[in-house]
PDB file of N, CA and C in Angstrom:
ATOM      1  N   UNK A   1     -23.834  34.476  72.461  1.00  0.00           N
ATOM      2  CA  UNK A   1     -22.531  34.138  71.387  1.00  0.00           C
ATOM      3  C   UNK A   1     -23.176  33.791  70.187  1.00  0.00           C
ATOM      4  N   UNK A   2     -23.581  33.383  69.186  1.00  0.00           N
ATOM      5  CA  UNK A   2     -23.890  32.916  67.677  1.00  0.00           C
ATOM      6  C   UNK A   2     -22.117  32.152  67.120  1.00  0.00           C
ATOM      7  N   UNK A   3     -22.172  31.226  67.341  1.00  0.00           N
ATOM      8  CA  UNK A   3     -20.895  30.570  66.422  1.00  0.00           C
ATOM      9  C   UNK A   3     -21.058  30.123  65.503  1.00  0.00           C
ATOM     10  N   UNK A   4     -20.792  30.861  64.651  1.00  0.00           N
ATOM     11  CA  UNK A   4     -20.244  29.944  62.607  1.00  0.00           C
ATOM     12  C   UNK A   4     -19.376  29.641  62.709  1.00  0.00           C
ATOM     13  N   UNK A   5     -19.931  28.467  61.878  1.00  0.00           N
ATOM     14  CA  UNK A   5     -18.980  27.114  61.687  1.00  0.00           C
ATOM     15  C   UNK A   5     -18.468  27.127  60.099  1.00  0.00           C
ATOM     16  N   UNK A   6     -17.619  26.891  59.299  1.00  0.00           N
ATOM     17  CA  UNK A   6     -17.161  27.199  58.038  1.00  0.00           C
ATOM     18  C   UNK A   6     -16.582  25.840  57.471  1.00  0.00           C
ATOM     19  N   UNK A   7     -17.291  24.526  56.956  1.00  0.00           N
ATOM     20  CA  UNK A   7     -16.642  23.506  56.171  1.00  0.00           C
ATOM     21  C   UNK A   7     -16.379  23.878  55.131  1.00  0.00           C
ATOM     22  N   UNK A   8     -14.802  23.313  54.250  1.00  0.00           N
ATOM     23  CA  UNK A   8     -14.456  23.737  53.113  1.00  0.00           C
ATOM     24  C   UNK A   8     -13.411  22.259  53.220  1.00  0.00           C
ATOM     25  N   UNK A   9     -14.481  22.123  51.795  1.00  0.00           N
ATOM     26  CA  UNK A   9     -13.915  20.693  51.258  1.00  0.00           C
ATOM     27  C   UNK A   9     -13.380  21.237  50.014  1.00  0.00           C
ATOM     28  N   UNK A  10     -12.043  20.962  49.294  1.00  0.00           N
ATOM     29  CA  UNK A  10     -10.926  20.816  48.384  1.00  0.00           C
ATOM     30  C   UNK A  10     -10.063  19.202  47.946  1.00  0.00           C
ATOM     31  N   UNK A  11     -10.072  19.811  47.323  1.00  0.00           N
ATOM     32  CA  UNK A  11      -9.590  18.759  45.834  1.00  0.00           C
ATOM     33  C   UNK A  11     -10.119  19.311  44.107  1.00  0.00           C
ATOM     34  N   UNK A  12      -9.702  18.109  43.330  1.00  0.00           N
ATOM     35  CA  UNK A  12      -9.117  18.185  42.313  1.00  0.00           C
ATOM     36  C   UNK A  12     -10.802  18.155  41.256  1.00  0.00           C
ATOM     37  N   UNK A  13     -10.813  19.478  40.320  1.00  0.00           N
ATOM     38  CA  UNK A  13     -11.955  19.587  39.777  1.00  0.00           C
ATOM     39  C   UNK A  13     -12.250  18.332  39.119  1.00  0.00           C
ATOM     40  N   UNK A  14     -13.475  18.009  38.728  1.00  0.00           N
ATOM     41  CA  UNK A  14     -14.486  17.077  39.328  1.00  0.00           C
ATOM     42  C   UNK A  14     -14.294  15.846  40.032  1.00  0.00           C
ATOM     43  N   UNK A  15     -13.998  16.266  41.480  1.00  0.00           N
ATOM     44  CA  UNK A  15     -13.952  15.122  42.810  1.00  0.00           C
ATOM     45  C   UNK A  15     -15.094  14.705  42.689  1.00  0.00           C
ATOM     46  N   UNK A  16     -15.899  15.528  42.912  1.00  0.00           N
ATOM     47  CA  UNK A  16     -17.314  15.833  43.663  1.00  0.00           C
ATOM     48  C   UNK A  16     -17.778  16.383  44.682  1.00  0.00           C
ATOM     49  N   UNK A  17     -16.662  17.477  44.444  1.00  0.00           N
ATOM     50  CA  UNK A  17     -16.841  18.663  46.231  1.00  0.00           C
ATOM     51  C   UNK A  17     -17.958  19.153  45.978  1.00  0.00           C
ATOM     52  N   UNK A  18     -18.886  19.556  44.925  1.00  0.00           N
ATOM     53  CA  UNK A  18     -19.658  19.952  44.681  1.00  0.00           C
ATOM     54  C   UNK A  18     -21.085  19.265  45.291  1.00  0.00           C
ATOM     55  N   UNK A  19     -20.856  18.030  44.491  1.00  0.00           N
ATOM     56  CA  UNK A  19     -21.918  17.390  44.808  1.00  0.00           C
ATOM     57  C   UNK A  19     -21.424  16.985  46.742  1.00  0.00           C
ATOM     58  N   UNK A  20     -20.725  16.607  47.183  1.00  0.00           N
ATOM     59  CA  UNK A  20     -20.443  16.169  48.710  1.00  0.00           C
ATOM     60  C   UNK A  20     -21.062  17.545  49.746  1.00  0.00           C
ATOM     61  N   UNK A  21     -20.355  18.541  49.278  1.00  0.00           N
ATOM     62  CA  UNK A  21     -20.818  19.801  49.621  1.00  0.00           C
ATOM     63  C   UNK A  21     -22.951  19.936  49.714  1.00  0.00           C
ATOM     64  N   UNK A  22     -23.267  19.531  48.435  1.00  0.00           N
ATOM     65  CA  UNK A  22     -24.264  19.834  49.013  1.00  0.00           C
ATOM     66  C   UNK A  22     -25.061  19.121  49.532  1.00  0.00           C
ATOM     67  N   UNK A  23     -24.621  17.971  49.476  1.00  0.00           N
ATOM     68  CA  UNK A  23     -25.435  16.651  50.389  1.00  0.00           C
ATOM     69  C   UNK A  23     -25.304  16.656  51.524  1.00  0.00           C
ATOM     70  N   UNK A  24     -24.352  17.219  52.529  1.00  0.00           N
ATOM     71  CA  UNK A  24     -23.468  17.580  53.707  1.00  0.00           C
ATOM     72  C   UNK A  24     -24.410  18.495  54.105  1.00  0.00           C
ATOM     73  N   UNK A  25     -24.679  20.045  53.481  1.00  0.00           N
ATOM     74  CA  UNK A  25     -25.553  20.435  53.537  1.00  0.00           C
ATOM     75  C   UNK A  25     -26.981  20.589  53.756  1.00  0.00           C
ATOM     76  N   UNK A  26     -27.506  19.498  53.096  1.00  0.00           N
ATOM     77  CA  UNK A  26     -29.208  19.086  53.405  1.00  0.00           C
ATOM     78  C   UNK A  26     -28.899  18.809  54.617  1.00  0.00           C
ATOM     79  N   UNK A  27     -27.912  17.520  54.589  1.00  0.00           N
ATOM     80  CA  UNK A  27     -28.558  17.109  56.500  1.00  0.00           C
ATOM     81  C   UNK A  27     -28.365  17.355  57.353  1.00  0.00           C
ATOM     82  N   UNK A  28     -27.306  18.726  57.551  1.00  0.00           N
ATOM     83  CA  UNK A  28     -26.828  19.833  58.431  1.00  0.00           C
ATOM     84  C   UNK A  28     -27.755  21.223  58.798  1.00  0.00           C
ATOM     85  N   UNK A  29     -29.018  21.078  57.171  1.00  0.00           N
ATOM     86  CA  UNK A  29     -29.630  21.708  57.370  1.00  0.00           C
ATOM     87  C   UNK A  29     -29.250  23.392  57.317  1.00  0.00           C
ATOM     88  N   UNK A  30     -28.534  23.693  56.634  1.00  0.00           N
ATOM     89  CA  UNK A  30     -27.419  24.683  56.236  1.00  0.00           C
ATOM     90  C   UNK A  30     -27.389  25.307  54.525  1.00  0.00           C
ATOM     91  N   UNK A  31     -26.878  25.951  54.304  1.00  0.00           N
ATOM     92  CA  UNK A  31     -26.569  26.400  53.191  1.00  0.00           C
ATOM     93  C   UNK A  31     -25.386  26.395  52.522  1.00  0.00           C
ATOM     94  N   UNK A  32     -24.913  26.258  51.138  1.00  0.00           N
ATOM     95  CA  UNK A  32     -23.746  25.330  50.611  1.00  0.00           C
ATOM     96  C   UNK A  32     -23.566  27.038  49.650  1.00  0.00           C
ATOM     97  N   UNK A  33     -22.220  27.135  49.370  1.00  0.00           N
ATOM     98  CA  UNK A  33     -21.982  28.069  48.745  1.00  0.00           C
ATOM     99  C   UNK A  33     -20.558  27.385  47.842  1.00  0.00           C
ATOM    100  N   UNK A  34     -20.592  27.688  46.472  1.00  0.00           N
ATOM    101  CA  UNK A  34     -19.227  26.972  45.381  1.00  0.00           C
ATOM    102  C   UNK A  34     -18.084  27.855  45.751  1.00  0.00           C
ATOM    103  N   UNK A  35     -16.741  27.876  45.150  1.00  0.00           N
ATOM    104  CA  UNK A  35     -16.333  29.114  44.791  1.00  0.00           C
ATOM    105  C   UNK A  35     -17.073  29.875  43.527  1.00  0.00           C
ATOM    106  N   UNK A  36     -17.052  28.666  42.661  1.00  0.00           N
ATOM    107  CA  UNK A  36     -17.725  29.178  41.589  1.00  0.00           C
ATOM    108  C   UNK A  36     -18.977  30.776  41.720  1.00  0.00           C
ATOM    109  N   UNK A  37     -19.906  30.283  42.811  1.00  0.00           N
ATOM    110  CA  UNK A  37     -20.606  30.725  42.746  1.00  0.00           C
ATOM    111  C   UNK A  37     -20.259  32.775  43.653  1.00  0.00           C
ATOM    112  N   UNK A  38     -19.255  32.396  44.354  1.00  0.00           N
ATOM    113  CA  UNK A  38     -18.598  33.628  44.565  1.00  0.00           C
ATOM    114  C   UNK A  38     -17.529  34.779  43.455  1.00  0.00           C
ATOM    115  N   UNK A  39     -17.369  33.854  42.735  1.00  0.00           N
ATOM    116  CA  UNK A  39     -16.530  34.232  41.325  1.00  0.00           C
ATOM    117  C   UNK A  39     -17.433  35.416  40.424  1.00  0.00           C
ATOM    118  N   UNK A  40     -18.990  34.310  40.988  1.00  0.00           N
ATOM    119  CA  UNK A  40     -19.625  34.925  39.323  1.00  0.00           C
ATOM    120  C   UNK A  40     -20.457  36.461  39.870  1.00  0.00           C
ATOM    121  N   UNK A  41     -20.356  35.911  41.875  1.00  0.00           N
ATOM    122  CA  UNK A  41     -21.080  37.353  42.576  1.00  0.00           C
ATOM    123  C   UNK A  41     -20.326  38.662  41.992  1.00  0.00           C
ATOM    124  N   UNK A  42     -18.905  38.449  42.555  1.00  0.00           N
ATOM    125  CA  UNK A  42     -18.101  39.340  42.351  1.00  0.00           C
ATOM    126  C   UNK A  42     -17.367  40.262  41.193  1.00  0.00           C
ATOM    127  N   UNK A  43     -17.169  38.979  40.111  1.00  0.00           N
ATOM    128  CA  UNK A  43     -17.523  39.115  38.711  1.00  0.00           C
ATOM    129  C   UNK A  43     -18.753  40.536  38.512  1.00  0.00           C
ATOM    130  N   UNK A  44     -19.720  40.342  38.413  1.00  0.00           N
ATOM    131  CA  UNK A  44     -20.750  40.944  38.125  1.00  0.00           C
ATOM    132  C   UNK A  44     -20.834  42.036  38.786  1.00  0.00           C
ATOM    133  N   UNK A  45     -19.861  42.452  40.158  1.00  0.00           N
ATOM    134  CA  UNK A  45     -19.636  43.764  40.828  1.00  0.00           C
ATOM    135  C   UNK A  45     -18.328  44.461  40.139  1.00  0.00           C
ATOM    136  N   UNK A  46     -17.949  43.799  39.615  1.00  0.00           N
ATOM    137  CA  UNK A  46     -16.547  44.683  39.281  1.00  0.00           C
ATOM    138  C   UNK A  46     -16.343  44.466  38.174  1.00  0.00           C
ATOM    139  N   UNK A  47     -14.715  45.060  37.863  1.00  0.00           N
ATOM    140  CA  UNK A  47     -14.847  45.188  36.094  1.00  0.00           C
ATOM    141  C   UNK A  47     -13.099  44.966  35.761  1.00  0.00           C
ATOM    142  N   UNK A  48     -13.035  44.730  34.643  1.00  0.00           N
ATOM    143  CA  UNK A  48     -11.847  44.120  34.094  1.00  0.00           C
ATOM    144  C   UNK A  48     -10.524  44.735  34.963  1.00  0.00           C
ATOM    145  N   UNK A  49     -10.794  46.197  35.093  1.00  0.00           N
ATOM    146  CA  UNK A  49     -10.247  47.144  34.462  1.00  0.00           C
ATOM    147  C   UNK A  49      -9.631  47.224  36.635  1.00  0.00           C
ATOM    148  N   UNK A  50     -11.021  47.326  37.320  1.00  0.00           N
ATOM    149  CA  UNK A  50     -10.773  47.590  38.781  1.00  0.00           C
ATOM    150  C   UNK A  50     -10.195  46.110  39.336  1.00  0.00           C
ATOM    151  N   UNK A  51     -10.534  44.662  38.324  1.00  0.00           N
ATOM    152  CA  UNK A  51     -10.443  44.066  39.422  1.00  0.00           C
ATOM    153  C   UNK A  51      -9.527  42.543  38.527  1.00  0.00           C
ATOM    154  N   UNK A  52      -8.429  43.392  37.215  1.00  0.00           N
ATOM    155  CA  UNK A  52      -8.100  42.283  36.504  1.00  0.00           C
ATOM    156  C   UNK A  52      -7.807  40.776  36.595  1.00  0.00           C
ATOM    157  N   UNK A  53      -7.262  40.702  37.823  1.00  0.00           N
ATOM    158  CA  UNK A  53      -6.989  39.151  38.282  1.00  0.00           C
ATOM    159  C   UNK A  53      -8.420  38.055  38.597  1.00  0.00           C
ATOM    160  N   UNK A  54      -9.134  38.720  38.730  1.00  0.00           N
ATOM    161  CA  UNK A  54     -10.401  38.177  39.091  1.00  0.00           C
ATOM    162  C   UNK A  54     -10.738  37.742  37.395  1.00  0.00           C
ATOM    163  N   UNK A  55     -10.924  38.580  37.026  1.00  0.00           N
ATOM    164  CA  UNK A  55     -11.294  38.316  35.290  1.00  0.00           C
ATOM    165  C   UNK A  55     -10.356  37.607  34.515  1.00  0.00           C
ATOM    166  N   UNK A  56      -8.924  37.920  35.128  1.00  0.00           N
ATOM    167  CA  UNK A  56      -8.576  37.018  33.980  1.00  0.00           C
ATOM    168  C   UNK A  56      -8.825  35.496  34.496  1.00  0.00           C
ATOM    169  N   UNK A  57      -9.417  34.811  35.092  1.00  0.00           N
ATOM    170  CA  UNK A  57      -9.378  33.468  35.539  1.00  0.00           C
ATOM    171  C   UNK A  57     -10.671  33.253  34.458  1.00  0.00           C
ATOM    172  N   UNK A  58     -12.010  33.816  34.004  1.00  0.00           N
ATOM    173  CA  UNK A  58     -12.701  33.708  33.167  1.00  0.00           C
ATOM    174  C   UNK A  58     -12.036  33.464  31.878  1.00  0.00           C
ATOM    175  N   UNK A  59     -11.172  33.973  31.300  1.00  0.00           N
ATOM    176  CA  UNK A  59     -10.466  33.930  29.746  1.00  0.00           C
ATOM    177  C   UNK A  59     -10.172  32.701  29.404  1.00  0.00           C
ATOM    178  N   UNK A  60     -11.043  31.288  30.005  1.00  0.00           N
ATOM    179  CA  UNK A  60      -9.977  30.488  29.574  1.00  0.00           C
ATOM    180  C   UNK A  60     -10.289  29.112  30.620  1.00  0.00           C
ATOM    181  N   UNK A  61     -10.133  27.950  29.843  1.00  0.00           N
ATOM    182  CA  UNK A  61     -10.197  26.621  30.690  1.00  0.00           C
ATOM    183  C   UNK A  61      -9.169  26.339  31.854  1.00  0.00           C
ATOM    184  N   UNK A  62      -9.922  25.793  33.051  1.00  0.00           N
ATOM    185  CA  UNK A  62      -8.793  26.088  34.383  1.00  0.00           C
ATOM    186  C   UNK A  62      -7.632  25.526  33.859  1.00  0.00           C
ATOM    187  N   UNK A  63      -7.303  24.209  33.332  1.00  0.00           N
ATOM    188  CA  UNK A  63      -6.209  23.761  33.068  1.00  0.00           C
ATOM    189  C   UNK A  63      -5.006  25.030  32.008  1.00  0.00           C
ATOM    190  N   UNK A  64      -5.389  26.049  32.348  1.00  0.00           N
ATOM    191  CA  UNK A  64      -4.810  26.618  31.604  1.00  0.00           C
ATOM    192  C   UNK A  64      -4.071  27.434  33.216  1.00  0.00           C
ATOM    193  N   UNK A  65      -4.022  27.197  34.196  1.00  0.00           N
ATOM    194  CA  UNK A  65      -4.174  28.185  35.334  1.00  0.00           C
ATOM    195  C   UNK A  65      -2.670  26.888  35.620  1.00  0.00           C
ATOM    196  N   UNK A  66      -3.558  25.801  36.398  1.00  0.00           N
ATOM    197  CA  UNK A  66      -2.978  25.016  36.857  1.00  0.00           C
ATOM    198  C   UNK A  66      -1.894  23.921  36.149  1.00  0.00           C
ATOM    199  N   UNK A  67      -1.068  24.570  35.555  1.00  0.00           N
ATOM    200  CA  UNK A  67       0.238  24.054  35.042  1.00  0.00           C
ATOM    201  C   UNK A  67       1.387  24.382  35.606  1.00  0.00           C
ATOM    202  N   UNK A  68       2.877  23.147  35.284  1.00  0.00           N
ATOM    203  CA  UNK A  68       3.946  23.707  35.726  1.00  0.00           C
ATOM    204  C   UNK A  68       5.073  24.407  34.835  1.00  0.00           C
TER     205      UNK A  68
END
């Protein structure tokens, strides 16, 4: 049986998540993937009409989405 493991790294924008994830992937000999990679891929195969919520996230800076 093949056992796949996923390591999730969270943190504030600019905290170094991508840097840490990339270094960890090299050390473990695996691939790394960021949420930006996933969103870019999803946006490439969808439209604002079919997935408006995903496309809305690309209309402005992240600071507009994380306010109280």
